[in-house]
């Protein structure tokens, strides 16, 4: 292929055309938290999982936060569904607000057919446009709610990991 190589090393397919560097997508900050604990979810309203959370100060106006969470869920045989989501607060001990605004949050975990209890390793990701000012600390936690039967998030012998990255949109 002929063309011009620009300063980023990209090559255009048309003579005289310069290929630029895409904007946005740069990682501005990173924080990860790991814990080997569990918490029983015993309410039908979203509740924050207390043992693992992440926080970052906002470093760019208009940036987005990418969150990932991996944990083991222990789902009882009698539970038709359990709902998982992310929550946000402006202080470490503050009230956490569920981010998706959806009844089903990020989705639900259903027990296996035949009413058999099980434990499952699950991973969730969510991109959040935070709208906060530069320098503001934002705290994120996983949230859960159940359908009338308690379930556990996390397991003492398996790590739960939550990761937060601030992504540039500029």
N, C-alpha and C. Protein backbone atom coordinates (compact mmCIF):
# COMPACT_ATOMS: atom_id res chain seq x y z
N UNK A 1 0.84 -1.17 0.00
CA UNK A 1 0.00 0.00 0.00
C UNK A 1 0.89 1.23 0.00
N UNK A 2 0.57 2.16 -0.84
CA UNK A 2 1.33 3.41 -0.86
C UNK A 2 0.60 4.44 -0.03
N UNK A 3 1.26 5.46 0.35
CA UNK A 3 0.63 6.52 1.12
C UNK A 3 1.66 7.27 1.92
N UNK A 4 1.17 8.07 2.83
CA UNK A 4 2.03 8.90 3.66
C UNK A 4 1.97 8.38 5.09
N UNK A 5 3.13 8.27 5.70
CA UNK A 5 3.17 7.88 7.10
C UNK A 5 3.24 9.16 7.93
N UNK A 6 2.29 9.31 8.85
CA UNK A 6 2.29 10.53 9.67
C UNK A 6 3.12 10.33 10.93
N UNK A 7 3.07 11.28 11.84
CA UNK A 7 3.89 11.23 13.04
C UNK A 7 3.51 10.10 13.99
N UNK A 8 2.31 9.58 13.88
CA UNK A 8 1.90 8.47 14.75
C UNK A 8 2.26 7.12 14.15
N UNK A 9 2.77 7.12 12.93
CA UNK A 9 3.11 5.88 12.26
C UNK A 9 1.97 5.30 11.45
N UNK A 10 0.79 5.98 11.46
CA UNK A 10 -0.34 5.51 10.67
C UNK A 10 -0.12 5.84 9.21
N UNK A 11 -0.62 5.00 8.33
CA UNK A 11 -0.44 5.20 6.90
C UNK A 11 -1.80 5.41 6.25
N UNK A 12 -1.90 6.43 5.46
CA UNK A 12 -3.15 6.67 4.74
C UNK A 12 -3.12 5.92 3.43
N UNK A 13 -4.29 5.63 2.91
CA UNK A 13 -4.38 4.92 1.64
C UNK A 13 -4.40 5.85 0.43
N UNK A 14 -4.56 7.12 0.67
CA UNK A 14 -4.62 8.09 -0.42
C UNK A 14 -3.43 9.01 -0.30
N UNK A 15 -2.68 9.15 -1.41
CA UNK A 15 -1.51 10.03 -1.41
C UNK A 15 -1.94 11.44 -1.01
N UNK A 16 -1.22 12.00 -0.04
CA UNK A 16 -1.51 13.36 0.38
C UNK A 16 -2.48 13.45 1.55
N UNK A 17 -3.06 12.33 1.97
CA UNK A 17 -3.99 12.32 3.10
C UNK A 17 -3.23 11.95 4.36
N UNK A 18 -3.43 12.69 5.41
CA UNK A 18 -2.78 12.40 6.69
C UNK A 18 -3.79 11.76 7.62
N UNK A 19 -3.38 10.70 8.28
CA UNK A 19 -4.24 10.03 9.24
C UNK A 19 -3.87 10.57 10.62
N UNK A 20 -4.84 11.13 11.33
CA UNK A 20 -4.57 11.71 12.64
C UNK A 20 -4.74 10.72 13.77
N UNK A 21 -4.39 11.16 14.94
CA UNK A 21 -4.55 10.36 16.14
C UNK A 21 -5.97 10.55 16.66
N UNK A 22 -6.70 9.47 16.91
CA UNK A 22 -8.07 9.61 17.40
C UNK A 22 -8.10 10.30 18.77
N UNK A 23 -9.17 11.03 19.02
CA UNK A 23 -9.32 11.69 20.32
C UNK A 23 -10.04 10.77 21.28
N UNK A 24 -9.90 11.06 22.57
CA UNK A 24 -10.60 10.29 23.59
C UNK A 24 -10.02 8.91 23.80
N UNK A 25 -10.52 8.24 24.82
CA UNK A 25 -10.13 6.87 25.09
C UNK A 25 -8.86 6.70 25.90
N UNK A 26 -8.18 7.79 26.23
CA UNK A 26 -6.97 7.68 27.04
C UNK A 26 -7.35 7.40 28.50
N UNK A 27 -6.58 6.56 29.17
CA UNK A 27 -6.83 6.28 30.58
C UNK A 27 -6.17 7.39 31.40
N UNK A 28 -6.99 8.11 32.16
CA UNK A 28 -6.50 9.23 32.96
C UNK A 28 -6.19 8.82 34.40
N UNK A 29 -6.85 7.79 34.88
CA UNK A 29 -6.65 7.33 36.25
C UNK A 29 -7.11 5.90 36.39
N UNK A 30 -6.58 5.21 37.40
CA UNK A 30 -6.88 3.79 37.59
C UNK A 30 -6.85 3.49 39.08
N UNK A 31 -7.81 2.71 39.55
CA UNK A 31 -7.79 2.23 40.94
C UNK A 31 -8.48 0.87 40.98
N UNK A 32 -7.92 -0.04 41.75
CA UNK A 32 -8.49 -1.37 41.88
C UNK A 32 -8.52 -1.76 43.35
N UNK A 33 -9.55 -2.50 43.74
CA UNK A 33 -9.72 -2.95 45.11
C UNK A 33 -10.01 -4.44 45.09
N UNK A 34 -9.36 -5.18 45.99
CA UNK A 34 -9.54 -6.63 46.07
C UNK A 34 -9.87 -7.00 47.51
N UNK A 35 -10.85 -7.88 47.68
CA UNK A 35 -11.23 -8.35 49.01
C UNK A 35 -11.65 -9.81 48.94
N UNK A 36 -11.49 -10.52 50.03
CA UNK A 36 -11.92 -11.92 50.13
C UNK A 36 -12.96 -12.03 51.23
N UNK A 37 -14.07 -11.37 51.03
CA UNK A 37 -15.16 -11.35 52.01
C UNK A 37 -16.46 -11.66 51.29
N UNK A 38 -17.55 -11.66 52.05
CA UNK A 38 -18.87 -11.83 51.44
C UNK A 38 -19.87 -10.97 52.18
N UNK A 39 -20.98 -10.71 51.52
CA UNK A 39 -22.07 -9.94 52.12
C UNK A 39 -23.38 -10.55 51.67
N UNK A 40 -24.27 -10.78 52.62
CA UNK A 40 -25.59 -11.32 52.30
C UNK A 40 -26.51 -10.17 51.89
N UNK A 41 -27.17 -10.33 50.76
CA UNK A 41 -28.15 -9.35 50.28
C UNK A 41 -29.51 -9.85 50.75
N UNK A 42 -30.17 -9.03 51.58
CA UNK A 42 -31.41 -9.49 52.21
C UNK A 42 -32.55 -8.48 52.06
N UNK A 43 -32.50 -7.68 51.00
CA UNK A 43 -33.54 -6.67 50.80
C UNK A 43 -33.95 -6.64 49.33
N UNK A 44 -35.17 -6.21 49.08
CA UNK A 44 -35.66 -6.12 47.70
C UNK A 44 -35.42 -4.73 47.10
N UNK A 45 -34.70 -3.87 47.82
CA UNK A 45 -34.26 -2.58 47.30
C UNK A 45 -32.74 -2.63 47.16
N UNK A 46 -32.19 -1.87 46.21
CA UNK A 46 -30.74 -1.89 46.02
C UNK A 46 -30.01 -1.49 47.29
N UNK A 47 -28.99 -2.28 47.66
CA UNK A 47 -28.13 -2.00 48.81
C UNK A 47 -26.68 -2.12 48.34
N UNK A 48 -25.82 -1.22 48.86
CA UNK A 48 -24.40 -1.23 48.47
C UNK A 48 -23.68 -2.39 49.15
N UNK A 49 -22.77 -3.01 48.40
CA UNK A 49 -21.90 -4.05 48.94
C UNK A 49 -20.74 -3.31 49.60
N UNK A 50 -20.61 -3.43 50.91
CA UNK A 50 -19.72 -2.58 51.68
C UNK A 50 -18.24 -2.96 51.65
N UNK A 51 -17.90 -4.20 51.44
CA UNK A 51 -16.52 -4.63 51.66
C UNK A 51 -15.55 -4.29 50.55
N UNK A 52 -16.03 -3.88 49.39
CA UNK A 52 -15.12 -3.50 48.32
C UNK A 52 -15.70 -2.29 47.59
N UNK A 53 -14.87 -1.26 47.39
CA UNK A 53 -15.28 -0.08 46.64
C UNK A 53 -14.05 0.55 46.01
N UNK A 54 -14.26 1.40 45.05
CA UNK A 54 -13.17 2.14 44.41
C UNK A 54 -13.53 3.61 44.34
N UNK A 55 -12.51 4.45 44.33
CA UNK A 55 -12.71 5.88 44.20
C UNK A 55 -11.57 6.48 43.38
N UNK A 56 -11.89 7.52 42.67
CA UNK A 56 -10.89 8.29 41.93
C UNK A 56 -11.31 9.75 41.96
N UNK A 57 -10.33 10.68 42.05
CA UNK A 57 -10.68 12.08 41.85
C UNK A 57 -10.82 12.34 40.35
N UNK A 58 -11.81 13.09 39.96
CA UNK A 58 -12.01 13.44 38.55
C UNK A 58 -10.85 14.32 38.10
N UNK A 59 -10.21 13.97 36.99
CA UNK A 59 -9.07 14.75 36.51
C UNK A 59 -9.36 15.49 35.20
N UNK A 60 -10.50 15.19 34.56
CA UNK A 60 -10.84 15.87 33.30
C UNK A 60 -12.35 16.08 33.23
N UNK A 61 -12.74 17.30 32.95
CA UNK A 61 -14.16 17.60 32.78
C UNK A 61 -14.73 16.80 31.61
N UNK A 62 -15.88 16.18 31.81
CA UNK A 62 -16.53 15.42 30.74
C UNK A 62 -16.02 14.00 30.56
N UNK A 63 -15.09 13.57 31.41
CA UNK A 63 -14.57 12.21 31.28
C UNK A 63 -15.63 11.19 31.67
N UNK A 64 -15.34 9.92 31.41
CA UNK A 64 -16.24 8.83 31.76
C UNK A 64 -15.50 7.86 32.66
N UNK A 65 -16.24 7.14 33.48
CA UNK A 65 -15.65 6.12 34.36
C UNK A 65 -16.05 4.74 33.85
N UNK A 66 -15.06 3.88 33.66
CA UNK A 66 -15.29 2.49 33.28
C UNK A 66 -15.07 1.64 34.52
N UNK A 67 -16.13 0.92 34.94
CA UNK A 67 -16.05 0.08 36.12
C UNK A 67 -16.17 -1.38 35.71
N UNK A 68 -15.39 -2.23 36.34
CA UNK A 68 -15.56 -3.68 36.19
C UNK A 68 -15.56 -4.30 37.58
N UNK A 69 -16.30 -5.37 37.72
CA UNK A 69 -16.43 -6.04 39.01
C UNK A 69 -16.52 -7.54 38.75
N UNK A 70 -15.68 -8.31 39.42
CA UNK A 70 -15.72 -9.76 39.30
C UNK A 70 -15.86 -10.35 40.70
N UNK A 71 -16.83 -11.24 40.86
CA UNK A 71 -17.05 -11.86 42.17
C UNK A 71 -17.77 -13.20 42.01
N UNK A 72 -17.86 -13.91 43.10
CA UNK A 72 -18.63 -15.15 43.15
C UNK A 72 -19.98 -14.84 43.79
N UNK A 73 -21.06 -15.28 43.17
CA UNK A 73 -22.39 -15.16 43.75
C UNK A 73 -22.84 -16.53 44.20
N UNK A 74 -23.34 -16.61 45.41
CA UNK A 74 -23.92 -17.86 45.92
C UNK A 74 -25.43 -17.70 45.88
N UNK A 75 -26.05 -18.42 44.95
CA UNK A 75 -27.48 -18.26 44.68
C UNK A 75 -28.23 -19.48 45.21
N UNK A 76 -29.19 -19.29 46.15
CA UNK A 76 -29.93 -20.43 46.69
C UNK A 76 -30.90 -21.03 45.67
N UNK A 77 -31.25 -22.28 45.89
CA UNK A 77 -32.14 -22.99 44.97
C UNK A 77 -33.52 -22.35 44.89
N UNK A 78 -33.96 -21.71 45.96
CA UNK A 78 -35.32 -21.17 46.00
C UNK A 78 -35.42 -19.76 45.43
N UNK A 79 -34.34 -19.22 44.90
CA UNK A 79 -34.32 -17.84 44.43
C UNK A 79 -34.47 -17.76 42.92
N UNK A 80 -35.57 -17.19 42.41
CA UNK A 80 -35.71 -17.08 40.97
C UNK A 80 -34.81 -16.04 40.33
N UNK A 81 -34.45 -14.96 41.05
CA UNK A 81 -33.55 -13.96 40.47
C UNK A 81 -32.91 -13.10 41.55
N UNK A 82 -31.76 -12.55 41.23
CA UNK A 82 -31.02 -11.62 42.08
C UNK A 82 -30.46 -10.56 41.15
N UNK A 83 -30.57 -9.29 41.52
CA UNK A 83 -30.21 -8.19 40.62
C UNK A 83 -28.91 -7.53 41.06
N UNK A 84 -28.06 -7.21 40.10
CA UNK A 84 -26.76 -6.60 40.33
C UNK A 84 -26.68 -5.27 39.60
N UNK A 85 -26.04 -4.27 40.21
CA UNK A 85 -25.82 -2.99 39.55
C UNK A 85 -24.65 -2.27 40.22
N UNK A 86 -24.33 -1.06 39.75
CA UNK A 86 -23.31 -0.23 40.36
C UNK A 86 -23.97 0.97 41.01
N UNK A 87 -23.33 1.48 42.07
CA UNK A 87 -23.82 2.67 42.75
C UNK A 87 -22.72 3.70 42.89
N UNK A 88 -23.11 4.96 43.06
CA UNK A 88 -22.18 6.09 43.15
C UNK A 88 -22.51 6.93 44.37
N UNK A 89 -21.46 7.48 45.01
CA UNK A 89 -21.63 8.41 46.12
C UNK A 89 -20.56 9.48 46.03
N UNK A 90 -20.81 10.63 46.65
CA UNK A 90 -19.82 11.70 46.66
C UNK A 90 -18.98 11.68 47.94
N UNK A 91 -19.24 10.70 48.82
CA UNK A 91 -18.40 10.55 50.01
C UNK A 91 -18.31 9.07 50.39
N UNK A 92 -17.24 8.70 51.08
CA UNK A 92 -17.01 7.28 51.37
C UNK A 92 -18.11 6.69 52.25
N UNK A 93 -18.68 7.47 53.15
CA UNK A 93 -19.73 6.96 54.01
C UNK A 93 -21.12 7.41 53.59
N UNK A 94 -21.22 7.98 52.41
CA UNK A 94 -22.48 8.55 51.95
C UNK A 94 -23.47 7.52 51.44
N UNK A 95 -24.61 8.02 51.00
CA UNK A 95 -25.64 7.17 50.41
C UNK A 95 -25.27 6.91 48.95
N UNK A 96 -25.38 5.66 48.54
CA UNK A 96 -25.05 5.27 47.17
C UNK A 96 -26.32 5.25 46.33
N UNK A 97 -26.23 5.84 45.15
CA UNK A 97 -27.34 5.90 44.21
C UNK A 97 -27.09 4.90 43.10
N UNK A 98 -28.07 4.05 42.81
CA UNK A 98 -27.97 3.08 41.72
C UNK A 98 -27.86 3.83 40.40
N UNK A 99 -26.93 3.44 39.53
CA UNK A 99 -26.58 4.24 38.35
C UNK A 99 -27.42 4.01 37.10
N UNK A 100 -27.95 2.81 36.89
CA UNK A 100 -28.60 2.55 35.61
C UNK A 100 -30.01 3.12 35.55
N UNK A 101 -30.67 3.26 36.70
CA UNK A 101 -32.05 3.71 36.71
C UNK A 101 -33.03 2.64 36.24
N UNK A 102 -32.55 1.43 36.07
CA UNK A 102 -33.36 0.32 35.57
C UNK A 102 -33.78 -0.59 36.72
N UNK A 103 -34.97 -1.13 36.66
CA UNK A 103 -35.44 -2.09 37.65
C UNK A 103 -34.48 -3.28 37.74
N UNK A 104 -33.97 -3.70 36.58
CA UNK A 104 -33.10 -4.87 36.53
C UNK A 104 -31.62 -4.50 36.61
N UNK A 105 -31.28 -3.23 36.90
CA UNK A 105 -29.88 -2.84 37.04
C UNK A 105 -29.08 -3.22 35.83
N UNK A 106 -27.93 -3.85 36.04
CA UNK A 106 -27.08 -4.34 34.95
C UNK A 106 -27.55 -5.69 34.45
N UNK A 107 -28.46 -6.31 35.16
CA UNK A 107 -28.95 -7.62 34.78
C UNK A 107 -29.20 -8.46 36.02
N UNK A 108 -29.75 -9.61 35.80
CA UNK A 108 -30.04 -10.46 36.95
C UNK A 108 -29.38 -11.81 36.79
N UNK A 109 -29.15 -12.45 37.92
CA UNK A 109 -28.56 -13.77 37.96
C UNK A 109 -29.64 -14.73 38.42
N UNK A 110 -29.85 -15.76 37.65
CA UNK A 110 -30.91 -16.72 37.95
C UNK A 110 -30.27 -18.05 38.34
N UNK A 111 -30.89 -18.74 39.29
CA UNK A 111 -30.33 -20.03 39.69
C UNK A 111 -30.49 -21.04 38.55
N UNK A 112 -29.73 -22.14 38.63
CA UNK A 112 -29.82 -23.15 37.59
C UNK A 112 -31.16 -23.86 37.64
N UNK A 113 -31.55 -24.42 36.52
CA UNK A 113 -32.85 -25.08 36.43
C UNK A 113 -32.91 -26.27 37.39
N UNK A 114 -34.11 -26.62 37.80
CA UNK A 114 -34.30 -27.74 38.71
C UNK A 114 -34.18 -27.35 40.17
N UNK A 115 -34.06 -26.04 40.45
CA UNK A 115 -34.01 -25.58 41.83
C UNK A 115 -32.74 -25.98 42.56
N UNK A 116 -31.61 -26.03 41.86
CA UNK A 116 -30.35 -26.43 42.48
C UNK A 116 -29.57 -25.17 42.85
N UNK A 117 -29.12 -25.06 44.10
CA UNK A 117 -28.31 -23.93 44.52
C UNK A 117 -26.96 -24.00 43.81
N UNK A 118 -26.37 -22.84 43.54
CA UNK A 118 -25.07 -22.83 42.89
C UNK A 118 -24.29 -21.57 43.23
N UNK A 119 -23.01 -21.63 42.96
CA UNK A 119 -22.12 -20.47 43.08
C UNK A 119 -21.57 -20.19 41.69
N UNK A 120 -21.57 -18.93 41.30
CA UNK A 120 -21.15 -18.56 39.96
C UNK A 120 -20.15 -17.41 40.03
N UNK A 121 -19.10 -17.48 39.21
CA UNK A 121 -18.20 -16.35 39.04
C UNK A 121 -18.80 -15.47 37.95
N UNK A 122 -18.98 -14.20 38.25
CA UNK A 122 -19.60 -13.27 37.32
C UNK A 122 -18.76 -12.02 37.19
N UNK A 123 -18.79 -11.39 36.01
CA UNK A 123 -18.12 -10.12 35.77
C UNK A 123 -19.11 -9.15 35.14
N UNK A 124 -19.14 -7.92 35.66
CA UNK A 124 -19.98 -6.87 35.11
C UNK A 124 -19.11 -5.68 34.77
N UNK A 125 -19.50 -4.94 33.74
CA UNK A 125 -18.82 -3.70 33.36
C UNK A 125 -19.87 -2.64 33.10
N UNK A 126 -19.51 -1.39 33.34
CA UNK A 126 -20.43 -0.29 33.13
C UNK A 126 -19.62 0.97 32.88
N UNK A 127 -20.03 1.78 31.89
CA UNK A 127 -19.41 3.07 31.62
C UNK A 127 -20.36 4.15 32.12
N UNK A 128 -19.83 5.02 32.98
CA UNK A 128 -20.66 6.04 33.62
C UNK A 128 -20.17 7.44 33.26
N UNK A 129 -21.07 8.28 32.74
CA UNK A 129 -20.78 9.69 32.53
C UNK A 129 -21.13 10.40 33.84
N UNK A 130 -20.13 10.81 34.59
CA UNK A 130 -20.34 11.23 35.98
C UNK A 130 -20.84 12.66 36.15
N UNK A 131 -20.44 13.61 35.31
CA UNK A 131 -20.91 14.99 35.43
C UNK A 131 -20.34 15.75 36.61
N UNK A 132 -19.27 15.26 37.23
CA UNK A 132 -18.68 15.92 38.40
C UNK A 132 -17.56 16.86 37.98
N UNK A 133 -17.20 17.78 38.87
CA UNK A 133 -16.13 18.75 38.62
C UNK A 133 -14.76 18.12 38.81
N UNK A 134 -13.76 18.70 38.14
CA UNK A 134 -12.37 18.24 38.29
C UNK A 134 -11.98 18.35 39.76
N UNK A 135 -11.31 17.32 40.27
CA UNK A 135 -10.88 17.28 41.66
C UNK A 135 -11.86 16.62 42.61
N UNK A 136 -13.10 16.38 42.17
CA UNK A 136 -14.11 15.74 43.00
C UNK A 136 -13.84 14.24 43.11
N UNK A 137 -13.84 13.72 44.34
CA UNK A 137 -13.71 12.28 44.52
C UNK A 137 -15.08 11.63 44.30
N UNK A 138 -15.11 10.56 43.52
CA UNK A 138 -16.34 9.80 43.31
C UNK A 138 -16.09 8.38 43.83
N UNK A 139 -17.01 7.86 44.59
CA UNK A 139 -16.93 6.52 45.16
C UNK A 139 -17.93 5.62 44.46
N UNK A 140 -17.48 4.41 44.07
CA UNK A 140 -18.35 3.45 43.40
C UNK A 140 -18.35 2.13 44.16
N UNK A 141 -19.51 1.51 44.25
CA UNK A 141 -19.67 0.18 44.85
C UNK A 141 -20.60 -0.65 43.97
N UNK A 142 -20.50 -1.95 44.13
CA UNK A 142 -21.49 -2.84 43.54
C UNK A 142 -22.73 -2.77 44.41
N UNK A 143 -23.90 -2.92 43.81
CA UNK A 143 -25.16 -2.93 44.56
C UNK A 143 -25.92 -4.19 44.17
N UNK A 144 -26.78 -4.64 45.07
CA UNK A 144 -27.59 -5.83 44.78
C UNK A 144 -28.94 -5.74 45.46
N UNK A 145 -29.89 -6.51 44.94
CA UNK A 145 -31.19 -6.68 45.59
C UNK A 145 -31.70 -8.06 45.24
N UNK A 146 -32.61 -8.58 46.08
CA UNK A 146 -33.10 -9.94 45.88
C UNK A 146 -34.62 -9.94 45.74
N UNK A 147 -35.15 -11.10 45.47
CA UNK A 147 -36.59 -11.28 45.20
C UNK A 147 -37.36 -11.87 46.37
N UNK A 148 -36.79 -11.86 47.55
CA UNK A 148 -37.46 -12.46 48.71
C UNK A 148 -36.63 -13.57 49.32
N UNK A 149 -35.57 -13.98 48.65
CA UNK A 149 -34.66 -15.00 49.17
C UNK A 149 -33.25 -14.42 49.18
N UNK A 150 -32.60 -14.44 50.34
CA UNK A 150 -31.26 -13.87 50.47
C UNK A 150 -30.26 -14.58 49.56
N UNK A 151 -29.22 -13.86 49.14
CA UNK A 151 -28.11 -14.45 48.41
C UNK A 151 -26.83 -13.74 48.83
N UNK A 152 -25.68 -14.37 48.56
CA UNK A 152 -24.39 -13.82 48.97
C UNK A 152 -23.61 -13.33 47.77
N UNK A 153 -23.01 -12.14 47.95
CA UNK A 153 -22.05 -11.60 46.98
C UNK A 153 -20.69 -11.74 47.61
N UNK A 154 -19.79 -12.41 46.91
CA UNK A 154 -18.45 -12.66 47.42
C UNK A 154 -18.38 -13.97 48.16
N UNK A 155 -17.15 -14.42 48.36
CA UNK A 155 -16.92 -15.67 49.04
C UNK A 155 -15.57 -15.55 49.73
N UNK A 156 -15.46 -16.00 50.97
CA UNK A 156 -14.24 -15.85 51.75
C UNK A 156 -13.00 -16.44 51.13
N UNK A 157 -13.15 -17.49 50.32
CA UNK A 157 -11.98 -18.13 49.73
C UNK A 157 -11.77 -17.76 48.26
N UNK A 158 -12.47 -16.74 47.79
CA UNK A 158 -12.31 -16.29 46.40
C UNK A 158 -12.27 -14.75 46.39
N UNK A 159 -11.31 -14.20 45.68
CA UNK A 159 -11.18 -12.75 45.63
C UNK A 159 -12.31 -12.10 44.85
N UNK A 160 -12.75 -10.95 45.34
CA UNK A 160 -13.67 -10.07 44.64
C UNK A 160 -12.83 -8.88 44.19
N UNK A 161 -12.93 -8.51 42.92
CA UNK A 161 -12.12 -7.42 42.39
C UNK A 161 -13.02 -6.37 41.76
N UNK A 162 -12.78 -5.11 42.09
CA UNK A 162 -13.48 -3.99 41.47
C UNK A 162 -12.42 -3.04 40.94
N UNK A 163 -12.55 -2.65 39.67
CA UNK A 163 -11.58 -1.78 39.01
C UNK A 163 -12.30 -0.58 38.43
N UNK A 164 -11.67 0.58 38.54
CA UNK A 164 -12.22 1.83 38.03
C UNK A 164 -11.17 2.52 37.18
N UNK A 165 -11.53 2.94 35.98
CA UNK A 165 -10.66 3.72 35.11
C UNK A 165 -11.39 4.97 34.67
N UNK A 166 -10.71 6.11 34.78
CA UNK A 166 -11.26 7.34 34.22
C UNK A 166 -10.75 7.45 32.79
N UNK A 167 -11.69 7.61 31.84
CA UNK A 167 -11.36 7.67 30.42
C UNK A 167 -11.58 9.07 29.86
N UNK A 168 -10.63 9.55 29.10
CA UNK A 168 -10.74 10.86 28.47
C UNK A 168 -11.71 10.80 27.30
N UNK A 169 -12.47 11.85 27.13
CA UNK A 169 -13.33 11.97 25.96
C UNK A 169 -12.85 13.10 25.06
N UNK A 170 -11.78 13.77 25.47
CA UNK A 170 -11.25 14.91 24.69
C UNK A 170 -10.30 14.44 23.62
